[in-house]
Amino acid sequence: MSMYDKKGPYIIHEEPGPKFYCMCGLSDEPPYCNGSHNGKETGKRPYIVKVEEPRTVKICGCGKSATMPYCDGAHGKYEAAEKTEE
């Protein structure tokens, strides 16, 4: 399963420090980048986020968020559109 096949966000408690979130969707350790894009011409690099204090984050799992790498609820909009097309 691709990282962006998920129907909702990855909800993770993060500790302070740099985080490298996958942008290409190829990681087998989602939502974190594991270098799967290396050697492939994806033109993408990981989102690098510096977490300042412990907190829970919602990382996009559908690839449609306008606020990447964070979830903005876009998966719900696309699910609703798919249902109305059926």
C-alpha atoms as a PDB file:
ATOM      1  CA  MET A   1       0.000   0.000   0.000  1.00  0.00           C
ATOM      2  CA  SER A   2       1.318   3.411  -0.959  1.00  0.00           C
ATOM      3  CA  MET A   3       1.588   6.081   1.706  1.00  0.00           C
ATOM      4  CA  TYR A   4      -1.078   8.150  -0.049  1.00  0.00           C
ATOM      5  CA  ASP A   5      -3.611   5.306  -0.311  1.00  0.00           C
ATOM      6  CA  LYS A   6      -4.692   5.936   3.270  1.00  0.00           C
ATOM      7  CA  LYS A   7      -8.216   7.323   3.701  1.00  0.00           C
ATOM      8  CA  GLY A   8      -7.228   9.587   6.581  1.00  0.00           C
ATOM      9  CA  PRO A   9      -4.292  11.152   8.384  1.00  0.00           C
ATOM     10  CA  TYR A  10      -1.439   9.543  10.253  1.00  0.00           C
ATOM     11  CA  ILE A  11      -1.949  10.742  13.828  1.00  0.00           C
ATOM     12  CA  ILE A  12       1.382  10.740  15.633  1.00  0.00           C
ATOM     13  CA  HIS A  13       2.730  12.014  18.916  1.00  0.00           C
ATOM     14  CA  GLU A  14       6.031  13.683  18.066  1.00  0.00           C
ATOM     15  CA  GLU A  15       8.852  14.611  20.392  1.00  0.00           C
ATOM     16  CA  PRO A  16      11.069  17.668  19.786  1.00  0.00           C
ATOM     17  CA  GLY A  17      13.573  17.493  16.962  1.00  0.00           C
ATOM     18  CA  PRO A  18      13.675  17.390  13.170  1.00  0.00           C
ATOM     19  CA  LYS A  19      11.161  15.166  11.391  1.00  0.00           C
ATOM     20  CA  PHE A  20      11.432  14.057   7.790  1.00  0.00           C
ATOM     21  CA  TYR A  21       8.007  13.349   6.324  1.00  0.00           C
ATOM     22  CA  CYS A  22       7.673  11.542   3.006  1.00  0.00           C
ATOM     23  CA  MET A  23       6.583  13.661   0.042  1.00  0.00           C
ATOM     24  CA  CYS A  24       6.949  11.144  -2.776  1.00  0.00           C
ATOM     25  CA  GLY A  25       4.570   8.531  -1.341  1.00  0.00           C
ATOM     26  CA  LEU A  26       7.068   5.691  -1.869  1.00  0.00           C
ATOM     27  CA  SER A  27       8.192   5.177   1.734  1.00  0.00           C
ATOM     28  CA  ASP A  28       7.419   1.837   3.331  1.00  0.00           C
ATOM     29  CA  GLU A  29       7.711   3.567   6.708  1.00  0.00           C
ATOM     30  CA  PRO A  30       4.961   6.193   6.311  1.00  0.00           C
ATOM     31  CA  PRO A  31       4.634   8.968   7.090  1.00  0.00           C
ATOM     32  CA  TYR A  32       8.410   9.189   7.491  1.00  0.00           C
ATOM     33  CA  CYS A  33      10.856   9.422   4.611  1.00  0.00           C
ATOM     34  CA  ASN A  34      13.106   6.390   4.345  1.00  0.00           C
ATOM     35  CA  GLY A  35      14.960   7.463   1.210  1.00  0.00           C
ATOM     36  CA  SER A  36      12.819   5.431  -1.206  1.00  0.00           C
ATOM     37  CA  HIS A  37      12.898   8.382  -3.623  1.00  0.00           C
ATOM     38  CA  ASN A  38      16.699   8.109  -3.956  1.00  0.00           C
ATOM     39  CA  GLY A  39      17.767   6.903  -7.374  1.00  0.00           C
ATOM     40  CA  LYS A  40      14.303   7.554  -8.780  1.00  0.00           C
ATOM     41  CA  GLU A  41      13.465  10.689 -10.685  1.00  0.00           C
ATOM     42  CA  THR A  42      10.571  11.768  -8.480  1.00  0.00           C
ATOM     43  CA  GLY A  43      11.782  15.351  -8.197  1.00  0.00           C
ATOM     44  CA  LYS A  44      10.666  15.262  -4.577  1.00  0.00           C
ATOM     45  CA  ARG A  45      12.431  15.492  -1.251  1.00  0.00           C
ATOM     46  CA  PRO A  46      11.045  15.010   2.247  1.00  0.00           C
ATOM     47  CA  TYR A  47       9.184  17.676   4.166  1.00  0.00           C
ATOM     48  CA  ILE A  48      11.516  18.693   6.976  1.00  0.00           C
ATOM     49  CA  VAL A  49       9.703  19.937  10.062  1.00  0.00           C
ATOM     50  CA  LYS A  50      11.338  21.054  13.283  1.00  0.00           C
ATOM     51  CA  VAL A  51       9.127  20.060  16.201  1.00  0.00           C
ATOM     52  CA  GLU A  52       9.755  22.536  19.015  1.00  0.00           C
ATOM     53  CA  GLU A  53       7.798  20.796  21.805  1.00  0.00           C
ATOM     54  CA  PRO A  54       5.994  17.473  22.256  1.00  0.00           C
ATOM     55  CA  ARG A  55       2.713  17.465  20.342  1.00  0.00           C
ATOM     56  CA  THR A  56       0.325  15.359  18.356  1.00  0.00           C
ATOM     57  CA  VAL A  57       0.286  15.983  14.611  1.00  0.00           C
ATOM     58  CA  LYS A  58      -1.937  14.810  11.769  1.00  0.00           C
ATOM     59  CA  ILE A  59       0.146  14.027   8.694  1.00  0.00           C
ATOM     60  CA  CYS A  60      -1.653  13.752   5.348  1.00  0.00           C
ATOM     61  CA  GLY A  61      -2.317  10.188   4.232  1.00  0.00           C
ATOM     62  CA  CYS A  62      -4.189  10.916   0.987  1.00  0.00           C
ATOM     63  CA  GLY A  63      -1.756  13.258  -0.786  1.00  0.00           C
ATOM     64  CA  LYS A  64      -4.436  15.873  -1.468  1.00  0.00           C
ATOM     65  CA  SER A  65      -3.899  18.306   1.409  1.00  0.00           C
ATOM     66  CA  ALA A  66      -3.289  21.968   0.588  1.00  0.00           C
ATOM     67  CA  THR A  67      -1.277  22.254   3.821  1.00  0.00           C
ATOM     68  CA  MET A  68       1.221  19.430   3.289  1.00  0.00           C
ATOM     69  CA  PRO A  69       2.626  17.674   5.162  1.00  0.00           C
ATOM     70  CA  TYR A  70      -0.311  18.294   7.491  1.00  0.00           C
ATOM     71  CA  CYS A  71      -3.825  16.974   6.983  1.00  0.00           C
ATOM     72  CA  ASP A  72      -6.459  19.589   6.118  1.00  0.00           C
ATOM     73  CA  GLY A  73      -9.394  17.174   5.807  1.00  0.00           C
ATOM     74  CA  ALA A  74      -9.179  16.982   1.992  1.00  0.00           C
ATOM     75  CA  HIS A  75      -9.629  13.193   2.134  1.00  0.00           C
ATOM     76  CA  GLY A  76     -13.205  13.756   3.338  1.00  0.00           C
ATOM     77  CA  LYS A  77     -13.978  16.072   0.417  1.00  0.00           C
ATOM     78  CA  TYR A  78     -12.728  13.521  -2.102  1.00  0.00           C
ATOM     79  CA  GLU A  79     -14.542  10.621  -0.419  1.00  0.00           C
ATOM     80  CA  ALA A  80     -17.799  12.595  -0.530  1.00  0.00           C
ATOM     81  CA  ALA A  81     -17.274  13.394  -4.229  1.00  0.00           C
ATOM     82  CA  GLU A  82     -16.583   9.730  -5.028  1.00  0.00           C
ATOM     83  CA  LYS A  83     -19.801   8.652  -3.287  1.00  0.00           C
ATOM     84  CA  THR A  84     -21.939  11.127  -5.242  1.00  0.00           C
ATOM     85  CA  GLU A  85     -20.474   9.824  -8.522  1.00  0.00           C
ATOM     86  CA  GLU A  86     -21.567   6.239  -7.755  1.00  0.00           C
END
